[in-house]
């Protein structure tokens, strides 16, 4: 994965985002981008490869929007309830997780909503 530092991508308020095969990190967050963040973004890269990039982006946005009403229109809670994010956040502290994760591991989070 190639890391690209940019002042506009991702949007302000986010530290990093992955669009396979690149990890975009906001330039102003360069000193705060850790190995933990890199593991999180690498999980997203693997998710994108197994779903293919365009369907991943569509699923990601669709899931965010569909979960909004269940999250009382709390954008952050809806974001944290996205299955791809749930998997990445749950395993970002596990060294080697991305080497052993099973394909489509994010699917088990598809119908769950984060409580906090």
PDB file of N, CA and C in Angstrom:
ATOM      1  N   UNK A   1       0.845  -1.174   0.000  1.00  0.00           N
ATOM      2  CA  UNK A   1       0.000   0.000   0.000  1.00  0.00           C
ATOM      3  C   UNK A   1       0.892   1.240   0.000  1.00  0.00           C
ATOM      4  N   UNK A   2       0.572   2.152  -0.879  1.00  0.00           N
ATOM      5  CA  UNK A   2       1.309   3.402  -0.934  1.00  0.00           C
ATOM      6  C   UNK A   2       0.543   4.472  -0.160  1.00  0.00           C
ATOM      7  N   UNK A   3       1.231   5.167   0.723  1.00  0.00           N
ATOM      8  CA  UNK A   3       0.621   6.234   1.504  1.00  0.00           C
ATOM      9  C   UNK A   3       0.872   7.562   0.810  1.00  0.00           C
ATOM     10  N   UNK A   4      -0.204   8.302   0.593  1.00  0.00           N
ATOM     11  CA  UNK A   4      -0.120   9.609  -0.050  1.00  0.00           C
ATOM     12  C   UNK A   4      -0.640  10.646   0.935  1.00  0.00           C
ATOM     13  N   UNK A   5       0.170  11.668   1.182  1.00  0.00           N
ATOM     14  CA  UNK A   5      -0.239  12.764   2.064  1.00  0.00           C
ATOM     15  C   UNK A   5      -0.806  13.890   1.209  1.00  0.00           C
ATOM     16  N   UNK A   6      -2.004  14.345   1.565  1.00  0.00           N
ATOM     17  CA  UNK A   6      -2.691  15.349   0.764  1.00  0.00           C
ATOM     18  C   UNK A   6      -3.435  16.305   1.689  1.00  0.00           C
ATOM     19  N   UNK A   7      -3.561  17.567   1.295  1.00  0.00           N
ATOM     20  CA  UNK A   7      -4.229  18.542   2.166  1.00  0.00           C
ATOM     21  C   UNK A   7      -5.750  18.522   2.009  1.00  0.00           C
ATOM     22  N   UNK A   8      -6.281  17.868   0.973  1.00  0.00           N
ATOM     23  CA  UNK A   8      -7.728  17.849   0.735  1.00  0.00           C
ATOM     24  C   UNK A   8      -8.386  16.485   0.872  1.00  0.00           C
ATOM     25  N   UNK A   9      -7.616  15.430   0.726  1.00  0.00           N
ATOM     26  CA  UNK A   9      -8.160  14.072   0.790  1.00  0.00           C
ATOM     27  C   UNK A   9      -7.518  13.363   1.972  1.00  0.00           C
ATOM     28  N   UNK A  10      -8.292  12.842   2.895  1.00  0.00           N
ATOM     29  CA  UNK A  10      -9.755  12.870   2.962  1.00  0.00           C
ATOM     30  C   UNK A  10     -10.268  14.225   3.440  1.00  0.00           C
ATOM     31  N   UNK A  11     -11.584  14.341   3.517  1.00  0.00           N
ATOM     32  CA  UNK A  11     -12.191  15.581   3.976  1.00  0.00           C
ATOM     33  C   UNK A  11     -11.764  15.892   5.403  1.00  0.00           C
ATOM     34  N   UNK A  12     -11.793  17.154   5.742  1.00  0.00           N
ATOM     35  CA  UNK A  12     -11.447  17.592   7.094  1.00  0.00           C
ATOM     36  C   UNK A  12     -12.332  16.855   8.098  1.00  0.00           C
ATOM     37  N   UNK A  13     -11.738  16.434   9.182  1.00  0.00           N
ATOM     38  CA  UNK A  13     -12.464  15.652  10.186  1.00  0.00           C
ATOM     39  C   UNK A  13     -12.109  14.175  10.130  1.00  0.00           C
ATOM     40  N   UNK A  14     -11.502  13.754   9.031  1.00  0.00           N
ATOM     41  CA  UNK A  14     -11.041  12.374   8.881  1.00  0.00           C
ATOM     42  C   UNK A  14      -9.524  12.396   8.764  1.00  0.00           C
ATOM     43  N   UNK A  15      -8.889  11.395   9.339  1.00  0.00           N
ATOM     44  CA  UNK A  15      -7.429  11.325   9.296  1.00  0.00           C
ATOM     45  C   UNK A  15      -6.942  10.675   8.008  1.00  0.00           C
ATOM     46  N   UNK A  16      -7.602   9.590   7.612  1.00  0.00           N
ATOM     47  CA  UNK A  16      -7.139   8.828   6.453  1.00  0.00           C
ATOM     48  C   UNK A  16      -8.310   8.132   5.777  1.00  0.00           C
ATOM     49  N   UNK A  17      -8.096   7.776   4.523  1.00  0.00           N
ATOM     50  CA  UNK A  17      -9.066   6.953   3.803  1.00  0.00           C
ATOM     51  C   UNK A  17      -8.315   6.135   2.757  1.00  0.00           C
ATOM     52  N   UNK A  18      -8.862   4.980   2.463  1.00  0.00           N
ATOM     53  CA  UNK A  18      -8.224   4.086   1.505  1.00  0.00           C
ATOM     54  C   UNK A  18      -9.055   4.001   0.243  1.00  0.00           C
ATOM     55  N   UNK A  19      -8.393   4.187  -0.861  1.00  0.00           N
ATOM     56  CA  UNK A  19      -8.949   3.859  -2.176  1.00  0.00           C
ATOM     57  C   UNK A  19      -7.867   3.005  -2.816  1.00  0.00           C
ATOM     58  N   UNK A  20      -8.098   1.704  -2.799  1.00  0.00           N
ATOM     59  CA  UNK A  20      -7.083   0.738  -3.204  1.00  0.00           C
ATOM     60  C   UNK A  20      -6.437   1.162  -4.510  1.00  0.00           C
ATOM     61  N   UNK A  21      -5.152   1.160  -4.622  1.00  0.00           N
ATOM     62  CA  UNK A  21      -4.109   0.670  -3.719  1.00  0.00           C
ATOM     63  C   UNK A  21      -3.427   1.775  -2.897  1.00  0.00           C
ATOM     64  N   UNK A  22      -4.144   2.853  -2.645  1.00  0.00           N
ATOM     65  CA  UNK A  22      -3.539   3.978  -1.931  1.00  0.00           C
ATOM     66  C   UNK A  22      -4.222   4.246  -0.603  1.00  0.00           C
ATOM     67  N   UNK A  23      -3.450   4.702   0.359  1.00  0.00           N
ATOM     68  CA  UNK A  23      -3.978   5.233   1.609  1.00  0.00           C
ATOM     69  C   UNK A  23      -3.716   6.731   1.558  1.00  0.00           C
ATOM     70  N   UNK A  24      -4.781   7.513   1.599  1.00  0.00           N
ATOM     71  CA  UNK A  24      -4.665   8.968   1.610  1.00  0.00           C
ATOM     72  C   UNK A  24      -4.730   9.439   3.055  1.00  0.00           C
ATOM     73  N   UNK A  25      -3.742  10.230   3.450  1.00  0.00           N
ATOM     74  CA  UNK A  25      -3.682  10.778   4.799  1.00  0.00           C
ATOM     75  C   UNK A  25      -3.645  12.295   4.668  1.00  0.00           C
ATOM     76  N   UNK A  26      -4.472  12.966   5.452  1.00  0.00           N
ATOM     77  CA  UNK A  26      -4.437  14.432   5.435  1.00  0.00           C
ATOM     78  C   UNK A  26      -3.052  14.903   5.849  1.00  0.00           C
ATOM     79  N   UNK A  27      -2.523  15.868   5.119  1.00  0.00           N
ATOM     80  CA  UNK A  27      -1.184  16.386   5.402  1.00  0.00           C
ATOM     81  C   UNK A  27      -1.047  16.884   6.831  1.00  0.00           C
ATOM     82  N   UNK A  28      -2.094  17.520   7.350  1.00  0.00           N
ATOM     83  CA  UNK A  28      -2.030  18.043   8.711  1.00  0.00           C
ATOM     84  C   UNK A  28      -2.122  16.945   9.776  1.00  0.00           C
ATOM     85  N   UNK A  29      -2.355  15.713   9.353  1.00  0.00           N
ATOM     86  CA  UNK A  29      -2.437  14.575  10.276  1.00  0.00           C
ATOM     87  C   UNK A  29      -1.236  13.641  10.158  1.00  0.00           C
ATOM     88  N   UNK A  30      -0.267  14.015   9.349  1.00  0.00           N
ATOM     89  CA  UNK A  30       0.894  13.163   9.073  1.00  0.00           C
ATOM     90  C   UNK A  30       1.556  12.666  10.363  1.00  0.00           C
ATOM     91  N   UNK A  31       1.758  13.538  11.320  1.00  0.00           N
ATOM     92  CA  UNK A  31       2.405  13.156  12.573  1.00  0.00           C
ATOM     93  C   UNK A  31       1.544  12.300  13.482  1.00  0.00           C
ATOM     94  N   UNK A  32       0.255  12.190  13.159  1.00  0.00           N
ATOM     95  CA  UNK A  32      -0.680  11.428  13.986  1.00  0.00           C
ATOM     96  C   UNK A  32      -1.080  10.096  13.352  1.00  0.00           C
ATOM     97  N   UNK A  33      -0.601   9.828  12.142  1.00  0.00           N
ATOM     98  CA  UNK A  33      -0.935   8.579  11.451  1.00  0.00           C
ATOM     99  C   UNK A  33      -0.036   7.465  11.978  1.00  0.00           C
ATOM    100  N   UNK A  34      -0.633   6.517  12.701  1.00  0.00           N
ATOM    101  CA  UNK A  34       0.120   5.476  13.393  1.00  0.00           C
ATOM    102  C   UNK A  34       0.041   4.131  12.669  1.00  0.00           C
ATOM    103  N   UNK A  35       0.777   3.157  13.171  1.00  0.00           N
ATOM    104  CA  UNK A  35       0.702   1.782  12.645  1.00  0.00           C
ATOM    105  C   UNK A  35      -0.700   1.217  12.854  1.00  0.00           C
ATOM    106  N   UNK A  36      -1.329   1.595  13.950  1.00  0.00           N
ATOM    107  CA  UNK A  36      -2.704   1.170  14.217  1.00  0.00           C
ATOM    108  C   UNK A  36      -3.629   1.693  13.111  1.00  0.00           C
ATOM    109  N   UNK A  37      -3.453   2.950  12.737  1.00  0.00           N
ATOM    110  CA  UNK A  37      -4.241   3.530  11.645  1.00  0.00           C
ATOM    111  C   UNK A  37      -3.953   2.814  10.331  1.00  0.00           C
ATOM    112  N   UNK A  38      -2.693   2.481  10.127  1.00  0.00           N
ATOM    113  CA  UNK A  38      -2.310   1.776   8.892  1.00  0.00           C
ATOM    114  C   UNK A  38      -2.959   0.392   8.832  1.00  0.00           C
ATOM    115  N   UNK A  39      -3.009  -0.321   9.968  1.00  0.00           N
ATOM    116  CA  UNK A  39      -3.681  -1.633   9.997  1.00  0.00           C
ATOM    117  C   UNK A  39      -5.168  -1.467   9.670  1.00  0.00           C
ATOM    118  N   UNK A  40      -5.796  -0.434  10.238  1.00  0.00           N
ATOM    119  CA  UNK A  40      -7.206  -0.145   9.989  1.00  0.00           C
ATOM    120  C   UNK A  40      -7.432   0.076   8.490  1.00  0.00           C
ATOM    121  N   UNK A  41      -6.619   0.911   7.894  1.00  0.00           N
ATOM    122  CA  UNK A  41      -6.775   1.229   6.467  1.00  0.00           C
ATOM    123  C   UNK A  41      -6.435   0.031   5.578  1.00  0.00           C
ATOM    124  N   UNK A  42      -5.507  -0.794   6.002  1.00  0.00           N
ATOM    125  CA  UNK A  42      -5.172  -1.999   5.233  1.00  0.00           C
ATOM    126  C   UNK A  42      -6.348  -2.978   5.233  1.00  0.00           C
ATOM    127  N   UNK A  43      -7.087  -3.047   6.343  1.00  0.00           N
ATOM    128  CA  UNK A  43      -8.295  -3.875   6.374  1.00  0.00           C
ATOM    129  C   UNK A  43      -9.274  -3.377   5.315  1.00  0.00           C
ATOM    130  N   UNK A  44      -9.423  -2.062   5.201  1.00  0.00           N
ATOM    131  CA  UNK A  44     -10.308  -1.515   4.166  1.00  0.00           C
ATOM    132  C   UNK A  44      -9.808  -1.873   2.768  1.00  0.00           C
ATOM    133  N   UNK A  45      -8.510  -1.883   2.566  1.00  0.00           N
ATOM    134  CA  UNK A  45      -7.958  -2.256   1.258  1.00  0.00           C
ATOM    135  C   UNK A  45      -8.333  -3.697   0.914  1.00  0.00           C
ATOM    136  N   UNK A  46      -8.220  -4.589   1.887  1.00  0.00           N
ATOM    137  CA  UNK A  46      -8.591  -5.987   1.653  1.00  0.00           C
ATOM    138  C   UNK A  46     -10.086  -6.121   1.371  1.00  0.00           C
ATOM    139  N   UNK A  47     -10.903  -5.358   2.083  1.00  0.00           N
ATOM    140  CA  UNK A  47     -12.343  -5.361   1.836  1.00  0.00           C
ATOM    141  C   UNK A  47     -12.643  -4.884   0.418  1.00  0.00           C
ATOM    142  N   UNK A  48     -11.940  -3.853  -0.018  1.00  0.00           N
ATOM    143  CA  UNK A  48     -12.162  -3.312  -1.352  1.00  0.00           C
ATOM    144  C   UNK A  48     -11.769  -4.310  -2.434  1.00  0.00           C
ATOM    145  N   UNK A  49     -10.688  -5.024  -2.213  1.00  0.00           N
ATOM    146  CA  UNK A  49     -10.243  -6.020  -3.199  1.00  0.00           C
ATOM    147  C   UNK A  49     -11.263  -7.150  -3.301  1.00  0.00           C
ATOM    148  N   UNK A  50     -11.778  -7.640  -2.165  1.00  0.00           N
ATOM    149  CA  UNK A  50     -12.707  -8.765  -2.227  1.00  0.00           C
ATOM    150  C   UNK A  50     -14.077  -8.359  -2.745  1.00  0.00           C
ATOM    151  N   UNK A  51     -14.454  -7.098  -2.613  1.00  0.00           N
ATOM    152  CA  UNK A  51     -15.758  -6.627  -3.109  1.00  0.00           C
ATOM    153  C   UNK A  51     -15.647  -5.967  -4.476  1.00  0.00           C
ATOM    154  N   UNK A  52     -14.448  -5.746  -4.915  1.00  0.00           N
ATOM    155  CA  UNK A  52     -14.150  -4.915  -6.075  1.00  0.00           C
ATOM    156  C   UNK A  52     -14.406  -3.469  -5.648  1.00  0.00           C
ATOM    157  N   UNK A  53     -13.650  -2.566  -6.156  1.00  0.00           N
ATOM    158  CA  UNK A  53     -13.648  -1.192  -5.653  1.00  0.00           C
ATOM    159  C   UNK A  53     -14.993  -0.484  -5.774  1.00  0.00           C
ATOM    160  N   UNK A  54     -15.580  -0.472  -6.956  1.00  0.00           N
ATOM    161  CA  UNK A  54     -16.834   0.273  -7.142  1.00  0.00           C
ATOM    162  C   UNK A  54     -17.972  -0.299  -6.292  1.00  0.00           C
ATOM    163  N   UNK A  55     -18.218  -1.612  -6.304  1.00  0.00           N
ATOM    164  CA  UNK A  55     -19.266  -2.137  -5.415  1.00  0.00           C
ATOM    165  C   UNK A  55     -18.985  -1.844  -3.944  1.00  0.00           C
ATOM    166  N   UNK A  56     -17.720  -1.842  -3.533  1.00  0.00           N
ATOM    167  CA  UNK A  56     -17.381  -1.512  -2.148  1.00  0.00           C
ATOM    168  C   UNK A  56     -17.854  -0.099  -1.817  1.00  0.00           C
ATOM    169  N   UNK A  57     -17.514   0.853  -2.678  1.00  0.00           N
ATOM    170  CA  UNK A  57     -17.888   2.248  -2.431  1.00  0.00           C
ATOM    171  C   UNK A  57     -19.404   2.418  -2.407  1.00  0.00           C
ATOM    172  N   UNK A  58     -20.099   1.726  -3.293  1.00  0.00           N
ATOM    173  CA  UNK A  58     -21.560   1.794  -3.310  1.00  0.00           C
ATOM    174  C   UNK A  58     -22.155   1.175  -2.050  1.00  0.00           C
ATOM    175  N   UNK A  59     -21.665   0.006  -1.673  1.00  0.00           N
ATOM    176  CA  UNK A  59     -22.148  -0.644  -0.448  1.00  0.00           C
ATOM    177  C   UNK A  59     -21.877   0.209   0.782  1.00  0.00           C
ATOM    178  N   UNK A  60     -20.704   0.792   0.831  1.00  0.00           N
ATOM    179  CA  UNK A  60     -20.290   1.615   1.956  1.00  0.00           C
ATOM    180  C   UNK A  60     -21.261   2.786   2.133  1.00  0.00           C
ATOM    181  N   UNK A  61     -21.497   3.522   1.051  1.00  0.00           N
ATOM    182  CA  UNK A  61     -22.390   4.688   1.108  1.00  0.00           C
ATOM    183  C   UNK A  61     -23.839   4.276   1.370  1.00  0.00           C
ATOM    184  N   UNK A  62     -24.281   3.237   0.722  1.00  0.00           N
ATOM    185  CA  UNK A  62     -25.650   2.757   0.906  1.00  0.00           C
ATOM    186  C   UNK A  62     -25.887   2.321   2.350  1.00  0.00           C
ATOM    187  N   UNK A  63     -24.940   1.593   2.906  1.00  0.00           N
ATOM    188  CA  UNK A  63     -25.087   1.134   4.289  1.00  0.00           C
ATOM    189  C   UNK A  63     -25.114   2.319   5.252  1.00  0.00           C
ATOM    190  N   UNK A  64     -24.279   3.312   5.012  1.00  0.00           N
ATOM    191  CA  UNK A  64     -24.249   4.502   5.864  1.00  0.00           C
ATOM    192  C   UNK A  64     -25.624   5.191   5.861  1.00  0.00           C
ATOM    193  N   UNK A  65     -26.182   5.363   4.675  1.00  0.00           N
ATOM    194  CA  UNK A  65     -27.476   6.040   4.537  1.00  0.00           C
ATOM    195  C   UNK A  65     -28.609   5.204   5.130  1.00  0.00           C
ATOM    196  N   UNK A  66     -28.612   3.895   4.852  1.00  0.00           N
ATOM    197  CA  UNK A  66     -29.687   3.034   5.360  1.00  0.00           C
ATOM    198  C   UNK A  66     -29.671   2.910   6.886  1.00  0.00           C
ATOM    199  N   UNK A  67     -28.509   3.018   7.487  1.00  0.00           N
ATOM    200  CA  UNK A  67     -28.421   2.895   8.944  1.00  0.00           C
ATOM    201  C   UNK A  67     -28.709   4.215   9.662  1.00  0.00           C
ATOM    202  N   UNK A  68     -28.731   5.309   8.935  1.00  0.00           N
ATOM    203  CA  UNK A  68     -28.989   6.619   9.552  1.00  0.00           C
ATOM    204  C   UNK A  68     -30.268   6.655  10.391  1.00  0.00           C
ATOM    205  N   UNK A  69     -31.420   6.225   9.858  1.00  0.00           N
ATOM    206  CA  UNK A  69     -32.638   6.282  10.679  1.00  0.00           C
ATOM    207  C   UNK A  69     -32.546   5.429  11.950  1.00  0.00           C
ATOM    208  N   UNK A  70     -31.837   4.303  11.868  1.00  0.00           N
ATOM    209  CA  UNK A  70     -31.684   3.430  13.037  1.00  0.00           C
ATOM    210  C   UNK A  70     -30.723   4.031  14.059  1.00  0.00           C
ATOM    211  N   UNK A  71     -29.954   5.003  13.618  1.00  0.00           N
ATOM    212  CA  UNK A  71     -29.003   5.702  14.494  1.00  0.00           C
ATOM    213  C   UNK A  71     -29.523   7.089  14.870  1.00  0.00           C
ATOM    214  N   UNK A  72     -30.830   7.280  14.704  1.00  0.00           N
ATOM    215  CA  UNK A  72     -31.479   8.557  15.039  1.00  0.00           C
ATOM    216  C   UNK A  72     -30.817   9.732  14.315  1.00  0.00           C
ATOM    217  N   UNK A  73     -30.403   9.494  13.081  1.00  0.00           N
ATOM    218  CA  UNK A  73     -29.782  10.484  12.206  1.00  0.00           C
ATOM    219  C   UNK A  73     -28.506  11.091  12.789  1.00  0.00           C
ATOM    220  N   UNK A  74     -27.833  10.284  13.572  1.00  0.00           N
ATOM    221  CA  UNK A  74     -26.520  10.654  14.108  1.00  0.00           C
ATOM    222  C   UNK A  74     -25.489  10.151  13.094  1.00  0.00           C
ATOM    223  N   UNK A  75     -24.873  11.085  12.342  1.00  0.00           N
ATOM    224  CA  UNK A  75     -23.958  10.718  11.260  1.00  0.00           C
ATOM    225  C   UNK A  75     -22.776   9.896  11.749  1.00  0.00           C
ATOM    226  N   UNK A  76     -22.200  10.279  12.884  1.00  0.00           N
ATOM    227  CA  UNK A  76     -21.033   9.557  13.389  1.00  0.00           C
ATOM    228  C   UNK A  76     -21.403   8.135  13.808  1.00  0.00           C
ATOM    229  N   UNK A  77     -22.526   7.978  14.498  1.00  0.00           N
ATOM    230  CA  UNK A  77     -22.958   6.641  14.915  1.00  0.00           C
ATOM    231  C   UNK A  77     -23.266   5.773  13.693  1.00  0.00           C
ATOM    232  N   UNK A  78     -23.881   6.363  12.679  1.00  0.00           N
ATOM    233  CA  UNK A  78     -24.159   5.628  11.450  1.00  0.00           C
ATOM    234  C   UNK A  78     -22.857   5.199  10.777  1.00  0.00           C
ATOM    235  N   UNK A  79     -21.879   6.107  10.747  1.00  0.00           N
ATOM    236  CA  UNK A  79     -20.561   5.786  10.188  1.00  0.00           C
ATOM    237  C   UNK A  79     -19.915   4.623  10.954  1.00  0.00           C
ATOM    238  N   UNK A  80     -19.980   4.680  12.289  1.00  0.00           N
ATOM    239  CA  UNK A  80     -19.380   3.624  13.109  1.00  0.00           C
ATOM    240  C   UNK A  80     -20.144   2.301  12.983  1.00  0.00           C
ATOM    241  N   UNK A  81     -21.372   2.346  12.472  1.00  0.00           N
ATOM    242  CA  UNK A  81     -22.185   1.142  12.297  1.00  0.00           C
ATOM    243  C   UNK A  81     -21.991   0.486  10.939  1.00  0.00           C
ATOM    244  N   UNK A  82     -21.259   1.121  10.049  1.00  0.00           N
ATOM    245  CA  UNK A  82     -20.980   0.510   8.744  1.00  0.00           C
ATOM    246  C   UNK A  82     -20.177  -0.770   8.980  1.00  0.00           C
ATOM    247  N   UNK A  83     -20.597  -1.836   8.361  1.00  0.00           N
ATOM    248  CA  UNK A  83     -19.965  -3.144   8.601  1.00  0.00           C
ATOM    249  C   UNK A  83     -18.461  -3.111   8.325  1.00  0.00           C
ATOM    250  N   UNK A  84     -18.035  -2.422   7.284  1.00  0.00           N
ATOM    251  CA  UNK A  84     -16.613  -2.342   6.954  1.00  0.00           C
ATOM    252  C   UNK A  84     -15.837  -1.642   8.072  1.00  0.00           C
ATOM    253  N   UNK A  85     -16.442  -0.586   8.629  1.00  0.00           N
ATOM    254  CA  UNK A  85     -15.799   0.138   9.728  1.00  0.00           C
ATOM    255  C   UNK A  85     -15.781  -0.696  11.005  1.00  0.00           C
ATOM    256  N   UNK A  86     -16.863  -1.412  11.269  1.00  0.00           N
ATOM    257  CA  UNK A  86     -16.910  -2.228  12.479  1.00  0.00           C
ATOM    258  C   UNK A  86     -15.792  -3.269  12.482  1.00  0.00           C
ATOM    259  N   UNK A  87     -15.606  -3.945  11.347  1.00  0.00           N
ATOM    260  CA  UNK A  87     -14.529  -4.931  11.280  1.00  0.00           C
ATOM    261  C   UNK A  87     -13.172  -4.254  11.464  1.00  0.00           C
ATOM    262  N   UNK A  88     -12.938  -3.154  10.757  1.00  0.00           N
ATOM    263  CA  UNK A  88     -11.637  -2.487  10.812  1.00  0.00           C
ATOM    264  C   UNK A  88     -11.337  -1.968  12.218  1.00  0.00           C
ATOM    265  N   UNK A  89     -12.320  -1.348  12.866  1.00  0.00           N
ATOM    266  CA  UNK A  89     -12.094  -0.842  14.222  1.00  0.00           C
ATOM    267  C   UNK A  89     -11.906  -1.977  15.227  1.00  0.00           C
ATOM    268  N   UNK A  90     -12.674  -3.045  15.089  1.00  0.00           N
ATOM    269  CA  UNK A  90     -12.576  -4.150  16.045  1.00  0.00           C
ATOM    270  C   UNK A  90     -11.212  -4.828  16.012  1.00  0.00           C
ATOM    271  N   UNK A  91     -10.566  -4.830  14.856  1.00  0.00           N
ATOM    272  CA  UNK A  91      -9.313  -5.591  14.715  1.00  0.00           C
ATOM    273  C   UNK A  91      -8.073  -4.729  14.490  1.00  0.00           C
ATOM    274  N   UNK A  92      -8.181  -3.415  14.589  1.00  0.00           N
ATOM    275  CA  UNK A  92      -7.037  -2.547  14.293  1.00  0.00           C
ATOM    276  C   UNK A  92      -5.900  -2.687  15.303  1.00  0.00           C
ATOM    277  N   UNK A  93      -6.175  -3.227  16.472  1.00  0.00           N
ATOM    278  CA  UNK A  93      -5.124  -3.423  17.476  1.00  0.00           C
ATOM    279  C   UNK A  93      -4.432  -4.780  17.360  1.00  0.00           C
ATOM    280  N   UNK A  94      -4.947  -5.634  16.497  1.00  0.00           N
ATOM    281  CA  UNK A  94      -4.420  -6.996  16.359  1.00  0.00           C
ATOM    282  C   UNK A  94      -3.329  -7.052  15.288  1.00  0.00           C
ATOM    283  N   UNK A  95      -2.100  -7.214  15.737  1.00  0.00           N
ATOM    284  CA  UNK A  95      -0.994  -7.374  14.799  1.00  0.00           C
ATOM    285  C   UNK A  95      -1.202  -8.667  14.025  1.00  0.00           C
ATOM    286  N   UNK A  96      -1.078  -8.622  12.740  1.00  0.00           N
ATOM    287  CA  UNK A  96      -1.204  -9.819  11.912  1.00  0.00           C
ATOM    288  C   UNK A  96      -2.630 -10.186  11.547  1.00  0.00           C
ATOM    289  N   UNK A  97      -3.616  -9.424  12.015  1.00  0.00           N
ATOM    290  CA  UNK A  97      -5.011  -9.766  11.689  1.00  0.00           C
ATOM    291  C   UNK A  97      -5.229  -9.836  10.178  1.00  0.00           C
ATOM    292  N   UNK A  98      -4.690  -8.867   9.463  1.00  0.00           N
ATOM    293  CA  UNK A  98      -4.924  -8.835   8.019  1.00  0.00           C
ATOM    294  C   UNK A  98      -4.268  -9.993   7.276  1.00  0.00           C
ATOM    295  N   UNK A  99      -3.338 -10.676   7.925  1.00  0.00           N
ATOM    296  CA  UNK A  99      -2.716 -11.857   7.310  1.00  0.00           C
ATOM    297  C   UNK A  99      -3.569 -13.107   7.485  1.00  0.00           C
ATOM    298  N   UNK A 100      -4.464 -13.096   8.474  1.00  0.00           N
ATOM    299  CA  UNK A 100      -5.247 -14.299   8.772  1.00  0.00           C
ATOM    300  C   UNK A 100      -6.752 -14.095   8.619  1.00  0.00           C
ATOM    301  N   UNK A 101      -7.198 -12.881   8.327  1.00  0.00           N
ATOM    302  CA  UNK A 101      -8.640 -12.634   8.246  1.00  0.00           C
ATOM    303  C   UNK A 101      -9.251 -13.435   7.108  1.00  0.00           C
ATOM    304  N   UNK A 102     -10.473 -13.885   7.346  1.00  0.00           N
ATOM    305  CA  UNK A 102     -11.204 -14.631   6.328  1.00  0.00           C
ATOM    306  C   UNK A 102     -11.895 -13.632   5.394  1.00  0.00           C
ATOM    307  N   UNK A 103     -12.026 -14.037   4.134  1.00  0.00           N
ATOM    308  CA  UNK A 103     -12.720 -13.184   3.172  1.00  0.00           C
ATOM    309  C   UNK A 103     -14.134 -12.888   3.657  1.00  0.00           C
ATOM    310  N   UNK A 104     -14.585 -11.684   3.389  1.00  0.00           N
ATOM    311  CA  UNK A 104     -15.933 -11.225   3.725  1.00  0.00           C
ATOM    312  C   UNK A 104     -16.223 -11.265   5.223  1.00  0.00           C
ATOM    313  N   UNK A 105     -15.202 -11.060   6.036  1.00  0.00           N
ATOM    314  CA  UNK A 105     -15.383 -11.033   7.492  1.00  0.00           C
ATOM    315  C   UNK A 105     -16.295  -9.889   7.917  1.00  0.00           C
ATOM    316  N   UNK A 106     -16.377  -8.856   7.131  1.00  0.00           N
ATOM    317  CA  UNK A 106     -17.226  -7.703   7.431  1.00  0.00           C
ATOM    318  C   UNK A 106     -18.707  -8.050   7.391  1.00  0.00           C
ATOM    319  N   UNK A 107     -19.055  -9.142   6.713  1.00  0.00           N
ATOM    320  CA  UNK A 107     -20.464  -9.487   6.509  1.00  0.00           C
ATOM    321  C   UNK A 107     -21.206  -9.728   7.825  1.00  0.00           C
ATOM    322  N   UNK A 108     -20.499 -10.250   8.839  1.00  0.00           N
ATOM    323  CA  UNK A 108     -21.169 -10.543  10.118  1.00  0.00           C
ATOM    324  C   UNK A 108     -21.628  -9.273  10.837  1.00  0.00           C
ATOM    325  N   UNK A 109     -21.130  -8.107  10.424  1.00  0.00           N
ATOM    326  CA  UNK A 109     -21.512  -6.836  11.040  1.00  0.00           C
ATOM    327  C   UNK A 109     -22.613  -6.117  10.251  1.00  0.00           C
ATOM    328  N   UNK A 110     -23.012  -6.690   9.136  1.00  0.00           N
ATOM    329  CA  UNK A 110     -23.902  -6.006   8.207  1.00  0.00           C
ATOM    330  C   UNK A 110     -25.213  -5.546   8.844  1.00  0.00           C
ATOM    331  N   UNK A 111     -25.777  -6.336   9.716  1.00  0.00           N
ATOM    332  CA  UNK A 111     -27.078  -6.003  10.293  1.00  0.00           C
ATOM    333  C   UNK A 111     -26.983  -5.570  11.749  1.00  0.00           C
ATOM    334  N   UNK A 112     -25.841  -4.999  12.125  1.00  0.00           N
ATOM    335  CA  UNK A 112     -25.661  -4.536  13.502  1.00  0.00           C
ATOM    336  C   UNK A 112     -25.528  -3.011  13.515  1.00  0.00           C
ATOM    337  N   UNK A 113     -25.932  -2.450  14.625  1.00  0.00           N
ATOM    338  CA  UNK A 113     -25.838  -1.002  14.846  1.00  0.00           C
ATOM    339  C   UNK A 113     -24.983  -0.791  16.088  1.00  0.00           C
ATOM    340  N   UNK A 114     -24.026   0.101  15.997  1.00  0.00           N
ATOM    341  CA  UNK A 114     -23.191   0.419  17.165  1.00  0.00           C
ATOM    342  C   UNK A 114     -24.025   1.205  18.163  1.00  0.00           C
ATOM    343  N   UNK A 115     -23.889   0.852  19.429  1.00  0.00           N
ATOM    344  CA  UNK A 115     -24.674   1.533  20.457  1.00  0.00           C
ATOM    345  C   UNK A 115     -24.022   2.834  20.879  1.00  0.00           C
ATOM    346  N   UNK A 116     -22.736   2.925  20.801  1.00  0.00           N
ATOM    347  CA  UNK A 116     -22.013   4.158  21.187  1.00  0.00           C
ATOM    348  C   UNK A 116     -21.045   4.529  20.099  1.00  0.00           C
TER     349      UNK A 116
END
